[in-house]
Each structure stands twice: as structure tokens, then as C-alpha cells.
């Protein structure tokens, strides 16, 4: 009699991996919050300078150090955020059903957020050092720069999409701890709602907080 060997059906298994990727997310969350705070600190005094580009330029020139710090925080966040995005995709792919899009969507959303931060800090070299001599700048251009820094790096809508993808993967497929799933659904929905509204920059208040909380959860409390 002949016998046949039945090959076992391949399944996904979580493997023990370094949590460095999660700590990069913690760093990105802290840096993201710091960049938002630096942007706030660099805002011009609208009561004294509204409608007056020369006054706006002079006010911005008095905050040169703040803009330099903003650039440092935003640029460093751009460096570490894609690492967390890649790690999050790998983490979700280990537990989500084969062929699931959750990990990919979560990673893409964070990469989009990094792109917004990159663009948001993209004019820093042109203006920040020029604030040492305001005669080098056209007042209207300097006023535009303050609006740019106060808006573009606040666009964390992509992180909201990532949060919702993580939330669904957690709650429907147990791809992450359930508490991370609920935090992601609540903060992700809030980030997306603010991000798609005309007050889209408000997503910058929520997105970095979600990132920090979730990254800490993966770094300290995730057992897979």
C-alpha cells in the first residue's frame, strides 16, 4: 500500500523581533508634538500685525531660534517616522489575514504624514537664516512663510488613516492588542474628521498624540 503525505497548510506566525521599530515611533510621536508646539510658538502676533506684512516679518524675525527648533524637530520626525511605518506594516502582516491591506494602508498613511512634515519644513533654509537680516526678504514672502509653517506640517490626516487601519486590524483580526485598536479607532476618527474639514490643520493636535500612545503600547505592552 502506498501512503501519501499531507502537507500542512501554511499559517502566519508572529516571530520574536526587536522592538526598535516601536521606539522609533515613540521618538516620532515626541518629535511630532514638539514640532507642533514650536510651530505654535513661532506664530505671529495677529493682533499687532494682521494685514501688515512688514510687522509680520519683524515679529517672525524675533523668533529665529524657534523656527530653527521647529526645523530640527520636524526633520528628525521625517527621518524616524518611515521606520515606524515599516515596522507597523510588518507587525500587522504577521497577524492579519494573508493578503490583507491593513498593514500597507497603515504604512502609507504614515509615509504621507512624513511627506507633509518634509514639505512643511521645506522653506526653512530659505527664510530662517534670512531673518538675521530682514532686508534680504520681501515682507510678503516672509509673511507667507509664517502661514506655511503654521499649516503644512500640521497636516496629519495620513496618520488618521493609519490609525483607522490599525484599529480595524486589531478589533476585527486581533492583529494588535484590543486597547490599541480602540485608541486607534477613536483618535484616528478624530484625526480624519479634523483632517478632511476646512480646519484640516487641527489634525496636528491629535495625530502625534495617537502616534505616541500607540508606539508606547507596542514598545512596552505588546507581547508578540
C-alpha atoms as a PDB file:
ATOM      1  CA  UNK A   1       0.000   0.000   0.000  1.00  0.00           C
ATOM      2  CA  UNK A   2       1.197   3.446  -0.775  1.00  0.00           C
ATOM      3  CA  UNK A   3       0.907   6.308   1.585  1.00  0.00           C
ATOM      4  CA  UNK A   4       0.616   9.971   0.862  1.00  0.00           C
ATOM      5  CA  UNK A   5       1.964  12.777   2.940  1.00  0.00           C
ATOM      6  CA  UNK A   6      -0.368  15.671   3.540  1.00  0.00           C
ATOM      7  CA  UNK A   7       1.488  18.939   3.705  1.00  0.00           C
ATOM      8  CA  UNK A   8       0.280  21.224   6.496  1.00  0.00           C
ATOM      9  CA  UNK A   9      -1.456  24.400   5.429  1.00  0.00           C
ATOM     10  CA  UNK A  10       0.925  27.345   5.904  1.00  0.00           C
ATOM     11  CA  UNK A  11      -0.183  29.839   8.514  1.00  0.00           C
ATOM     12  CA  UNK A  12       1.113  33.196   9.610  1.00  0.00           C
ATOM     13  CA  UNK A  13       3.098  33.157  12.810  1.00  0.00           C
ATOM     14  CA  UNK A  14       4.302  36.041  14.856  1.00  0.00           C
ATOM     15  CA  UNK A  15       8.025  35.928  15.411  1.00  0.00           C
ATOM     16  CA  UNK A  16      10.036  37.499  18.154  1.00  0.00           C
ATOM     17  CA  UNK A  17      11.597  40.609  16.707  1.00  0.00           C
ATOM     18  CA  UNK A  18      13.342  43.648  18.038  1.00  0.00           C
ATOM     19  CA  UNK A  19      11.075  46.454  19.208  1.00  0.00           C
ATOM     20  CA  UNK A  20      13.403  49.136  17.937  1.00  0.00           C
ATOM     21  CA  UNK A  21      10.800  49.976  15.304  1.00  0.00           C
ATOM     22  CA  UNK A  22       8.292  50.735  18.062  1.00  0.00           C
ATOM     23  CA  UNK A  23      10.737  53.019  19.872  1.00  0.00           C
ATOM     24  CA  UNK A  24      11.266  54.939  16.645  1.00  0.00           C
ATOM     25  CA  UNK A  25       7.522  55.530  16.733  1.00  0.00           C
ATOM     26  CA  UNK A  26       7.827  56.863  20.274  1.00  0.00           C
ATOM     27  CA  UNK A  27      10.549  59.216  19.071  1.00  0.00           C
ATOM     28  CA  UNK A  28       8.413  60.265  16.100  1.00  0.00           C
ATOM     29  CA  UNK A  29       5.461  60.989  18.382  1.00  0.00           C
ATOM     30  CA  UNK A  30       7.548  63.119  20.728  1.00  0.00           C
ATOM     31  CA  UNK A  31       9.171  64.946  17.817  1.00  0.00           C
ATOM     32  CA  UNK A  32       5.817  65.460  16.137  1.00  0.00           C
ATOM     33  CA  UNK A  33       4.360  67.031  19.272  1.00  0.00           C
ATOM     34  CA  UNK A  34       7.489  69.163  19.701  1.00  0.00           C
ATOM     35  CA  UNK A  35       7.265  70.354  16.085  1.00  0.00           C
ATOM     36  CA  UNK A  36       3.633  71.375  16.579  1.00  0.00           C
ATOM     37  CA  UNK A  37       4.499  73.261  19.767  1.00  0.00           C
ATOM     38  CA  UNK A  38       7.418  75.015  18.063  1.00  0.00           C
ATOM     39  CA  UNK A  39       5.127  75.973  15.204  1.00  0.00           C
ATOM     40  CA  UNK A  40       2.669  77.421  17.705  1.00  0.00           C
ATOM     41  CA  UNK A  41       5.438  79.350  19.432  1.00  0.00           C
ATOM     42  CA  UNK A  42       6.512  80.773  16.085  1.00  0.00           C
ATOM     43  CA  UNK A  43       3.067  82.084  15.214  1.00  0.00           C
ATOM     44  CA  UNK A  44       2.943  85.806  14.594  1.00  0.00           C
ATOM     45  CA  UNK A  45       1.003  88.128  16.857  1.00  0.00           C
ATOM     46  CA  UNK A  46      -2.063  88.667  14.716  1.00  0.00           C
ATOM     47  CA  UNK A  47      -3.495  91.414  16.939  1.00  0.00           C
ATOM     48  CA  UNK A  48      -0.434  93.569  16.328  1.00  0.00           C
ATOM     49  CA  UNK A  49       0.472  92.583  12.781  1.00  0.00           C
ATOM     50  CA  UNK A  50      -2.664  91.454  10.927  1.00  0.00           C
ATOM     51  CA  UNK A  51      -2.682  92.879   7.423  1.00  0.00           C
ATOM     52  CA  UNK A  52       0.808  94.352   7.805  1.00  0.00           C
ATOM     53  CA  UNK A  53       3.464  92.137   6.142  1.00  0.00           C
ATOM     54  CA  UNK A  54       6.308  94.312   7.446  1.00  0.00           C
ATOM     55  CA  UNK A  55       5.096  93.849  11.032  1.00  0.00           C
ATOM     56  CA  UNK A  56       4.679  90.114  10.438  1.00  0.00           C
ATOM     57  CA  UNK A  57       8.234  89.867   9.132  1.00  0.00           C
ATOM     58  CA  UNK A  58       9.634  91.757  12.096  1.00  0.00           C
ATOM     59  CA  UNK A  59       7.698  89.574  14.531  1.00  0.00           C
ATOM     60  CA  UNK A  60       8.885  86.382  12.824  1.00  0.00           C
ATOM     61  CA  UNK A  61      12.486  87.651  12.805  1.00  0.00           C
ATOM     62  CA  UNK A  62      12.362  87.901  16.595  1.00  0.00           C
ATOM     63  CA  UNK A  63      11.630  84.145  16.773  1.00  0.00           C
ATOM     64  CA  UNK A  64      14.506  82.836  14.681  1.00  0.00           C
ATOM     65  CA  UNK A  65      15.568  80.296  17.324  1.00  0.00           C
ATOM     66  CA  UNK A  66      12.024  78.952  17.491  1.00  0.00           C
ATOM     67  CA  UNK A  67      11.972  78.349  13.741  1.00  0.00           C
ATOM     68  CA  UNK A  68      15.334  76.616  13.911  1.00  0.00           C
ATOM     69  CA  UNK A  69      13.992  74.301  16.618  1.00  0.00           C
ATOM     70  CA  UNK A  70      10.875  73.673  14.554  1.00  0.00           C
ATOM     71  CA  UNK A  71      13.023  72.631  11.628  1.00  0.00           C
ATOM     72  CA  UNK A  72      15.086  70.280  13.780  1.00  0.00           C
ATOM     73  CA  UNK A  73      12.035  68.587  15.306  1.00  0.00           C
ATOM     74  CA  UNK A  74      10.176  68.261  12.002  1.00  0.00           C
ATOM     75  CA  UNK A  75      13.183  66.981  10.048  1.00  0.00           C
ATOM     76  CA  UNK A  76      14.058  64.377  12.681  1.00  0.00           C
ATOM     77  CA  UNK A  77      10.441  63.219  12.718  1.00  0.00           C
ATOM     78  CA  UNK A  78      10.667  62.736   8.947  1.00  0.00           C
ATOM     79  CA  UNK A  79      13.729  60.537   9.486  1.00  0.00           C
ATOM     80  CA  UNK A  80      12.217  58.152  12.053  1.00  0.00           C
ATOM     81  CA  UNK A  81       8.556  58.042  11.016  1.00  0.00           C
ATOM     82  CA  UNK A  82       9.070  55.810   7.939  1.00  0.00           C
ATOM     83  CA  UNK A  83      10.936  53.304  10.124  1.00  0.00           C
ATOM     84  CA  UNK A  84       7.928  53.016  12.404  1.00  0.00           C
ATOM     85  CA  UNK A  85       5.687  52.767   9.352  1.00  0.00           C
ATOM     86  CA  UNK A  86       7.689  49.826   8.015  1.00  0.00           C
ATOM     87  CA  UNK A  87       7.716  48.124  11.419  1.00  0.00           C
ATOM     88  CA  UNK A  88       3.981  48.612  11.861  1.00  0.00           C
ATOM     89  CA  UNK A  89       3.308  47.050   8.480  1.00  0.00           C
ATOM     90  CA  UNK A  90       5.449  44.045   9.377  1.00  0.00           C
ATOM     91  CA  UNK A  91       3.752  43.737  12.767  1.00  0.00           C
ATOM     92  CA  UNK A  92       0.259  43.770  11.260  1.00  0.00           C
ATOM     93  CA  UNK A  93       1.187  41.447   8.401  1.00  0.00           C
ATOM     94  CA  UNK A  94       2.286  38.842  10.947  1.00  0.00           C
ATOM     95  CA  UNK A  95      -1.221  38.524  12.402  1.00  0.00           C
ATOM     96  CA  UNK A  96      -3.646  39.890   9.813  1.00  0.00           C
ATOM     97  CA  UNK A  97      -5.139  37.514   7.228  1.00  0.00           C
ATOM     98  CA  UNK A  98      -2.949  36.726   4.236  1.00  0.00           C
ATOM     99  CA  UNK A  99      -3.416  39.334   1.541  1.00  0.00           C
ATOM    100  CA  UNK A 100      -4.816  41.894   3.976  1.00  0.00           C
ATOM    101  CA  UNK A 101      -4.319  45.568   3.117  1.00  0.00           C
ATOM    102  CA  UNK A 102      -4.288  46.800   6.712  1.00  0.00           C
ATOM    103  CA  UNK A 103      -0.525  46.882   7.112  1.00  0.00           C
ATOM    104  CA  UNK A 104       0.052  48.535   3.745  1.00  0.00           C
ATOM    105  CA  UNK A 105      -2.573  51.225   4.352  1.00  0.00           C
ATOM    106  CA  UNK A 106      -1.203  51.917   7.825  1.00  0.00           C
ATOM    107  CA  UNK A 107       2.321  52.324   6.442  1.00  0.00           C
ATOM    108  CA  UNK A 108       1.272  54.534   3.529  1.00  0.00           C
ATOM    109  CA  UNK A 109      -0.652  56.882   5.807  1.00  0.00           C
ATOM    110  CA  UNK A 110       2.419  57.455   7.959  1.00  0.00           C
ATOM    111  CA  UNK A 111       4.628  57.986   4.922  1.00  0.00           C
ATOM    112  CA  UNK A 112       2.174  60.630   3.704  1.00  0.00           C
ATOM    113  CA  UNK A 113       2.443  62.300   7.099  1.00  0.00           C
ATOM    114  CA  UNK A 114       6.223  62.290   6.841  1.00  0.00           C
ATOM    115  CA  UNK A 115       5.901  63.887   3.398  1.00  0.00           C
ATOM    116  CA  UNK A 116       3.721  66.662   4.847  1.00  0.00           C
ATOM    117  CA  UNK A 117       6.342  67.318   7.524  1.00  0.00           C
ATOM    118  CA  UNK A 118       9.081  67.333   4.893  1.00  0.00           C
ATOM    119  CA  UNK A 119       7.208  69.872   2.804  1.00  0.00           C
ATOM    120  CA  UNK A 120       6.192  71.847   5.873  1.00  0.00           C
ATOM    121  CA  UNK A 121       9.820  72.355   6.813  1.00  0.00           C
ATOM    122  CA  UNK A 122      10.970  72.726   3.210  1.00  0.00           C
ATOM    123  CA  UNK A 123      11.145  76.526   3.214  1.00  0.00           C
ATOM    124  CA  UNK A 124      13.125  76.796   6.457  1.00  0.00           C
ATOM    125  CA  UNK A 125      16.526  77.206   4.826  1.00  0.00           C
ATOM    126  CA  UNK A 126      15.235  79.967   2.579  1.00  0.00           C
ATOM    127  CA  UNK A 127      13.745  82.046   5.378  1.00  0.00           C
ATOM    128  CA  UNK A 128      15.029  81.132   8.827  1.00  0.00           C
ATOM    129  CA  UNK A 129      18.615  82.271   8.334  1.00  0.00           C
ATOM    130  CA  UNK A 130      17.459  85.305   6.367  1.00  0.00           C
ATOM    131  CA  UNK A 131      15.618  86.503   9.470  1.00  0.00           C
ATOM    132  CA  UNK A 132      19.030  87.678  10.709  1.00  0.00           C
ATOM    133  CA  UNK A 133      18.780  90.448   8.110  1.00  0.00           C
ATOM    134  CA  UNK A 134      15.174  91.203   7.218  1.00  0.00           C
ATOM    135  CA  UNK A 135      16.272  93.489   4.389  1.00  0.00           C
ATOM    136  CA  UNK A 136      17.091  90.327   2.449  1.00  0.00           C
ATOM    137  CA  UNK A 137      13.418  89.359   2.393  1.00  0.00           C
ATOM    138  CA  UNK A 138      10.338  90.677   0.681  1.00  0.00           C
ATOM    139  CA  UNK A 139       7.875  91.281   3.571  1.00  0.00           C
ATOM    140  CA  UNK A 140       5.021  89.498   1.797  1.00  0.00           C
ATOM    141  CA  UNK A 141       7.216  86.428   1.295  1.00  0.00           C
ATOM    142  CA  UNK A 142       8.177  86.382   4.974  1.00  0.00           C
ATOM    143  CA  UNK A 143       4.518  86.670   5.947  1.00  0.00           C
ATOM    144  CA  UNK A 144       3.692  83.762   3.630  1.00  0.00           C
ATOM    145  CA  UNK A 145       6.383  81.648   5.282  1.00  0.00           C
ATOM    146  CA  UNK A 146       4.795  82.084   8.705  1.00  0.00           C
ATOM    147  CA  UNK A 147       1.487  80.833   7.278  1.00  0.00           C
ATOM    148  CA  UNK A 148       3.251  77.889   5.622  1.00  0.00           C
ATOM    149  CA  UNK A 149       4.900  76.738   8.863  1.00  0.00           C
ATOM    150  CA  UNK A 150       1.630  77.218  10.728  1.00  0.00           C
ATOM    151  CA  UNK A 151      -0.311  74.985   8.317  1.00  0.00           C
ATOM    152  CA  UNK A 152       1.515  72.393   6.207  1.00  0.00           C
ATOM    153  CA  UNK A 153       3.352  70.452   8.962  1.00  0.00           C
ATOM    154  CA  UNK A 154       0.046  70.222  10.839  1.00  0.00           C
ATOM    155  CA  UNK A 155      -1.499  68.033   8.131  1.00  0.00           C
ATOM    156  CA  UNK A 156      -1.607  64.709   9.978  1.00  0.00           C
ATOM    157  CA  UNK A 157      -4.587  63.336   8.044  1.00  0.00           C
ATOM    158  CA  UNK A 158      -2.457  60.459   6.759  1.00  0.00           C
ATOM    159  CA  UNK A 159      -1.781  59.357  10.330  1.00  0.00           C
ATOM    160  CA  UNK A 160      -5.532  59.258  10.909  1.00  0.00           C
ATOM    161  CA  UNK A 161      -5.901  56.834   8.006  1.00  0.00           C
ATOM    162  CA  UNK A 162      -3.110  54.725   9.529  1.00  0.00           C
ATOM    163  CA  UNK A 163      -4.852  54.758  12.889  1.00  0.00           C
ATOM    164  CA  UNK A 164      -8.131  53.534  11.409  1.00  0.00           C
ATOM    165  CA  UNK A 165      -6.349  50.756   9.509  1.00  0.00           C
ATOM    166  CA  UNK A 166      -4.634  49.676  12.712  1.00  0.00           C
ATOM    167  CA  UNK A 167      -7.907  49.853  14.624  1.00  0.00           C
ATOM    168  CA  UNK A 168      -9.720  47.629  12.134  1.00  0.00           C
ATOM    169  CA  UNK A 169      -6.843  45.142  12.046  1.00  0.00           C
ATOM    170  CA  UNK A 170      -6.854  44.983  15.830  1.00  0.00           C
ATOM    171  CA  UNK A 171     -10.567  44.739  16.509  1.00  0.00           C
ATOM    172  CA  UNK A 172     -11.534  42.501  13.577  1.00  0.00           C
ATOM    173  CA  UNK A 173      -8.465  40.300  13.239  1.00  0.00           C
ATOM    174  CA  UNK A 174      -6.714  40.539  16.635  1.00  0.00           C
ATOM    175  CA  UNK A 175      -3.610  41.782  14.812  1.00  0.00           C
ATOM    176  CA  UNK A 176      -2.726  44.041  17.770  1.00  0.00           C
ATOM    177  CA  UNK A 177      -3.865  44.428  21.403  1.00  0.00           C
ATOM    178  CA  UNK A 178      -7.522  45.462  21.603  1.00  0.00           C
ATOM    179  CA  UNK A 179      -6.841  48.567  23.648  1.00  0.00           C
ATOM    180  CA  UNK A 180      -4.544  49.789  20.871  1.00  0.00           C
ATOM    181  CA  UNK A 181      -7.371  49.107  18.460  1.00  0.00           C
ATOM    182  CA  UNK A 182      -9.874  51.195  20.419  1.00  0.00           C
ATOM    183  CA  UNK A 183      -7.422  54.050  20.911  1.00  0.00           C
ATOM    184  CA  UNK A 184      -6.687  53.961  17.186  1.00  0.00           C
ATOM    185  CA  UNK A 185     -10.358  53.986  16.206  1.00  0.00           C
ATOM    186  CA  UNK A 186     -11.222  56.910  18.486  1.00  0.00           C
ATOM    187  CA  UNK A 187      -8.185  59.090  17.831  1.00  0.00           C
ATOM    188  CA  UNK A 188      -7.991  58.012  14.199  1.00  0.00           C
ATOM    189  CA  UNK A 189     -11.590  59.019  13.562  1.00  0.00           C
ATOM    190  CA  UNK A 190     -10.981  62.372  15.247  1.00  0.00           C
ATOM    191  CA  UNK A 191      -7.821  62.921  13.202  1.00  0.00           C
ATOM    192  CA  UNK A 192      -9.584  62.074   9.948  1.00  0.00           C
ATOM    193  CA  UNK A 193     -12.632  64.210  10.746  1.00  0.00           C
ATOM    194  CA  UNK A 194     -10.498  67.247  11.505  1.00  0.00           C
ATOM    195  CA  UNK A 195      -8.211  66.490   8.576  1.00  0.00           C
ATOM    196  CA  UNK A 196     -10.992  66.454   5.994  1.00  0.00           C
ATOM    197  CA  UNK A 197     -12.642  69.566   7.439  1.00  0.00           C
ATOM    198  CA  UNK A 198     -11.717  73.127   6.383  1.00  0.00           C
ATOM    199  CA  UNK A 199      -9.833  73.281   9.697  1.00  0.00           C
ATOM    200  CA  UNK A 200      -7.572  70.485   8.472  1.00  0.00           C
ATOM    201  CA  UNK A 201      -4.536  71.700  10.396  1.00  0.00           C
ATOM    202  CA  UNK A 202      -6.333  70.739  13.629  1.00  0.00           C
ATOM    203  CA  UNK A 203      -5.405  67.144  12.869  1.00  0.00           C
ATOM    204  CA  UNK A 204      -1.910  68.122  14.019  1.00  0.00           C
ATOM    205  CA  UNK A 205      -3.185  68.293  17.578  1.00  0.00           C
ATOM    206  CA  UNK A 206      -4.422  64.693  17.561  1.00  0.00           C
ATOM    207  CA  UNK A 207      -2.264  62.683  15.168  1.00  0.00           C
ATOM    208  CA  UNK A 208       1.034  62.960  17.087  1.00  0.00           C
ATOM    209  CA  UNK A 209      -0.705  62.008  20.344  1.00  0.00           C
ATOM    210  CA  UNK A 210      -2.139  58.869  18.748  1.00  0.00           C
ATOM    211  CA  UNK A 211       1.292  58.003  17.386  1.00  0.00           C
ATOM    212  CA  UNK A 212       2.992  58.420  20.757  1.00  0.00           C
ATOM    213  CA  UNK A 213       0.397  56.393  22.688  1.00  0.00           C
ATOM    214  CA  UNK A 214       0.277  53.534  20.187  1.00  0.00           C
ATOM    215  CA  UNK A 215       4.054  53.371  19.764  1.00  0.00           C
ATOM    216  CA  UNK A 216       4.486  53.201  23.543  1.00  0.00           C
ATOM    217  CA  UNK A 217       1.911  50.424  23.593  1.00  0.00           C
ATOM    218  CA  UNK A 218       3.856  48.386  21.062  1.00  0.00           C
ATOM    219  CA  UNK A 219       7.190  49.139  22.740  1.00  0.00           C
ATOM    220  CA  UNK A 220       6.151  48.354  26.317  1.00  0.00           C
ATOM    221  CA  UNK A 221       2.969  46.298  26.295  1.00  0.00           C
ATOM    222  CA  UNK A 222       2.917  44.209  23.124  1.00  0.00           C
ATOM    223  CA  UNK A 223       3.832  40.611  23.831  1.00  0.00           C
ATOM    224  CA  UNK A 224       4.064  39.382  20.257  1.00  0.00           C
END
